[in-house]
N, C-alpha and C. Protein backbone atom coordinates (compact mmCIF):
# COMPACT_ATOMS: atom_id res chain seq x y z
N UNK A 1 -28.32 84.26 -31.49
CA UNK A 1 -28.25 84.31 -33.09
C UNK A 1 -27.34 85.34 -33.54
N UNK A 2 -26.59 86.49 -32.63
CA UNK A 2 -25.69 87.31 -32.85
C UNK A 2 -24.30 86.66 -33.36
N UNK A 3 -24.13 85.64 -32.52
CA UNK A 3 -22.96 84.44 -32.82
C UNK A 3 -22.91 84.51 -34.30
N UNK A 4 -24.08 84.00 -34.77
CA UNK A 4 -23.93 83.45 -35.87
C UNK A 4 -23.74 84.36 -37.31
N UNK A 5 -24.41 85.76 -36.97
CA UNK A 5 -24.03 86.60 -37.78
C UNK A 5 -22.89 86.85 -37.86
N UNK A 6 -22.02 86.93 -36.67
CA UNK A 6 -20.67 87.40 -36.57
C UNK A 6 -19.70 86.67 -37.17
N UNK A 7 -20.25 85.11 -37.19
CA UNK A 7 -19.37 84.09 -38.00
C UNK A 7 -19.26 83.99 -38.96
N UNK A 8 -20.54 84.37 -39.71
CA UNK A 8 -21.25 84.16 -41.13
C UNK A 8 -20.08 84.28 -42.23
N UNK A 9 -20.00 85.76 -42.01
CA UNK A 9 -18.76 86.55 -43.20
C UNK A 9 -17.59 85.89 -43.04
N UNK A 10 -17.04 85.39 -41.83
CA UNK A 10 -15.59 84.80 -41.98
C UNK A 10 -15.56 83.79 -42.74
N UNK A 11 -16.73 82.81 -42.28
CA UNK A 11 -16.82 81.45 -42.50
C UNK A 11 -16.95 81.56 -44.31
N UNK A 12 -17.84 82.28 -44.92
CA UNK A 12 -18.40 82.23 -46.04
C UNK A 12 -16.43 83.07 -46.69
N UNK A 13 -15.64 83.81 -46.21
CA UNK A 13 -14.71 84.02 -46.88
C UNK A 13 -13.58 83.16 -47.02
N UNK A 14 -13.76 82.31 -46.07
CA UNK A 14 -13.01 81.07 -45.80
C UNK A 14 -13.21 80.09 -46.53
N UNK A 15 -14.45 79.71 -47.21
CA UNK A 15 -14.79 78.85 -47.70
C UNK A 15 -14.58 79.15 -49.60
N UNK A 16 -14.87 80.29 -49.75
CA UNK A 16 -14.26 81.17 -51.28
C UNK A 16 -13.05 80.77 -51.20
N UNK A 17 -12.03 81.28 -50.22
CA UNK A 17 -10.67 81.15 -50.36
C UNK A 17 -9.85 79.82 -50.34
N UNK A 18 -10.59 79.07 -49.62
CA UNK A 18 -9.99 77.30 -50.17
C UNK A 18 -10.35 77.08 -51.28
N UNK A 19 -11.55 77.67 -51.87
CA UNK A 19 -11.86 77.40 -53.25
C UNK A 19 -10.80 77.77 -54.22
N UNK A 20 -10.96 79.08 -54.22
CA UNK A 20 -9.71 79.92 -54.82
C UNK A 20 -8.27 79.05 -55.11
N UNK A 21 -7.83 78.62 -53.68
CA UNK A 21 -6.59 77.57 -53.73
C UNK A 21 -6.71 76.77 -54.22
N UNK A 22 -7.81 75.92 -54.31
CA UNK A 22 -7.99 74.87 -54.94
C UNK A 22 -7.99 74.81 -56.73
N UNK A 23 -8.57 75.74 -56.95
CA UNK A 23 -8.57 76.14 -58.43
C UNK A 23 -6.88 76.70 -59.00
N UNK A 24 -6.71 77.27 -58.09
CA UNK A 24 -5.05 77.69 -58.37
C UNK A 24 -4.43 76.51 -58.44
N UNK A 25 -4.34 75.86 -57.53
CA UNK A 25 -3.55 74.60 -57.75
C UNK A 25 -4.05 73.31 -58.70
N UNK A 26 -5.03 73.16 -58.66
CA UNK A 26 -5.23 72.20 -59.90
C UNK A 26 -5.21 72.91 -61.25
N UNK A 27 -4.84 74.39 -61.47
CA UNK A 27 -4.82 74.98 -63.20
C UNK A 27 -3.40 74.76 -63.14
N UNK A 28 -2.34 74.52 -62.37
CA UNK A 28 -1.15 74.48 -62.54
C UNK A 28 -0.49 73.26 -63.26
N UNK A 29 0.35 73.68 -64.64
CA UNK A 29 0.87 72.53 -65.25
C UNK A 29 -0.61 71.53 -65.87
N UNK A 30 -0.22 70.58 -66.47
CA UNK A 30 -1.22 69.88 -67.40
C UNK A 30 -1.04 70.77 -68.88
N UNK A 31 -2.06 70.78 -69.66
CA UNK A 31 -2.34 70.99 -70.84
C UNK A 31 -1.93 72.46 -70.99
N UNK A 32 -2.47 73.17 -70.23
CA UNK A 32 -1.78 74.62 -70.08
C UNK A 32 -0.58 75.07 -70.05
N UNK A 33 0.25 73.87 -69.42
CA UNK A 33 1.50 74.55 -68.85
C UNK A 33 2.23 74.89 -70.07
N UNK A 34 2.52 74.47 -71.00
CA UNK A 34 3.42 74.73 -72.36
C UNK A 34 3.00 75.70 -72.92
N UNK A 35 1.73 76.28 -72.85
CA UNK A 35 1.21 77.38 -73.23
C UNK A 35 1.33 78.63 -72.58
N UNK A 36 1.47 78.36 -71.05
CA UNK A 36 2.06 79.42 -69.96
C UNK A 36 3.12 79.84 -70.35
N UNK A 37 3.97 78.87 -70.17
CA UNK A 37 5.44 78.52 -70.35
C UNK A 37 5.92 79.55 -71.63
N UNK A 38 5.46 79.47 -72.95
CA UNK A 38 5.33 80.22 -74.10
C UNK A 38 5.06 81.73 -73.87
N UNK A 39 3.94 82.06 -73.61
CA UNK A 39 3.81 83.27 -73.10
C UNK A 39 4.56 84.05 -72.38
N UNK A 40 5.45 83.35 -71.04
CA UNK A 40 5.93 83.98 -70.53
C UNK A 40 7.36 84.27 -70.93
N UNK A 41 7.92 83.13 -71.53
CA UNK A 41 8.95 83.48 -72.24
C UNK A 41 9.15 84.44 -73.37
N UNK A 42 7.64 84.64 -74.23
CA UNK A 42 7.89 85.53 -75.27
C UNK A 42 7.88 87.10 -74.73
N UNK A 43 7.14 87.10 -73.58
CA UNK A 43 7.21 88.43 -72.58
C UNK A 43 8.46 88.88 -72.25
N UNK A 44 9.29 87.78 -71.84
CA UNK A 44 10.83 87.95 -71.09
C UNK A 44 11.52 88.49 -72.24
N UNK A 45 11.39 87.72 -73.48
CA UNK A 45 12.04 88.00 -74.63
C UNK A 45 12.04 89.61 -75.42
N UNK A 46 10.55 90.28 -75.23
CA UNK A 46 10.05 91.55 -75.75
C UNK A 46 10.81 92.42 -74.56
N UNK A 47 10.62 92.26 -73.43
CA UNK A 47 11.48 92.86 -72.55
C UNK A 47 12.84 93.11 -72.59
N UNK A 48 13.41 91.94 -72.99
CA UNK A 48 14.74 91.81 -72.89
C UNK A 48 15.57 92.70 -73.91
N UNK A 49 14.60 92.79 -75.34
CA UNK A 49 14.87 93.40 -76.46
C UNK A 49 14.62 94.69 -76.31
N UNK A 50 13.50 95.25 -75.43
CA UNK A 50 13.34 96.43 -75.46
C UNK A 50 14.23 97.09 -74.35
N UNK A 51 14.67 96.71 -73.44
CA UNK A 51 15.91 96.85 -72.67
C UNK A 51 16.96 97.02 -73.30
N UNK A 52 17.49 96.26 -74.09
CA UNK A 52 18.83 96.22 -74.88
C UNK A 52 18.89 97.34 -75.93
N UNK A 53 17.55 97.85 -76.32
CA UNK A 53 17.57 98.70 -77.52
C UNK A 53 17.61 100.15 -76.91
N UNK A 54 17.24 99.87 -75.81
CA UNK A 54 17.25 101.62 -74.87
C UNK A 54 18.34 101.52 -74.06
N UNK A 55 19.32 100.82 -74.15
CA UNK A 55 20.73 101.10 -73.34
C UNK A 55 21.75 100.68 -74.48
N UNK A 56 21.30 100.70 -76.05
CA UNK A 56 22.33 100.43 -76.75
C UNK A 56 22.82 102.47 -77.26
N UNK A 57 23.95 102.81 -77.30
CA UNK A 57 24.47 103.69 -77.42
C UNK A 57 24.52 103.88 -79.16
N UNK A 58 24.10 105.33 -79.40
CA UNK A 58 23.77 105.71 -80.95
C UNK A 58 25.38 106.30 -81.45
N UNK A 59 25.82 105.52 -81.55
CA UNK A 59 27.45 105.73 -82.25
C UNK A 59 27.52 106.15 -83.48
């Protein structure tokens, strides 16, 4: 029975990891893709605006 207790944690971790990967793959694209893309685009635009504002010389 020691082998069962030794193998149980890695098997449980593997099952949860596979489940996590399946959730990630299933949630890619679909209806939320446009929302996620818009959020990323907005964050990149803010970062670019901040970067340009901080590098603009005060003449």
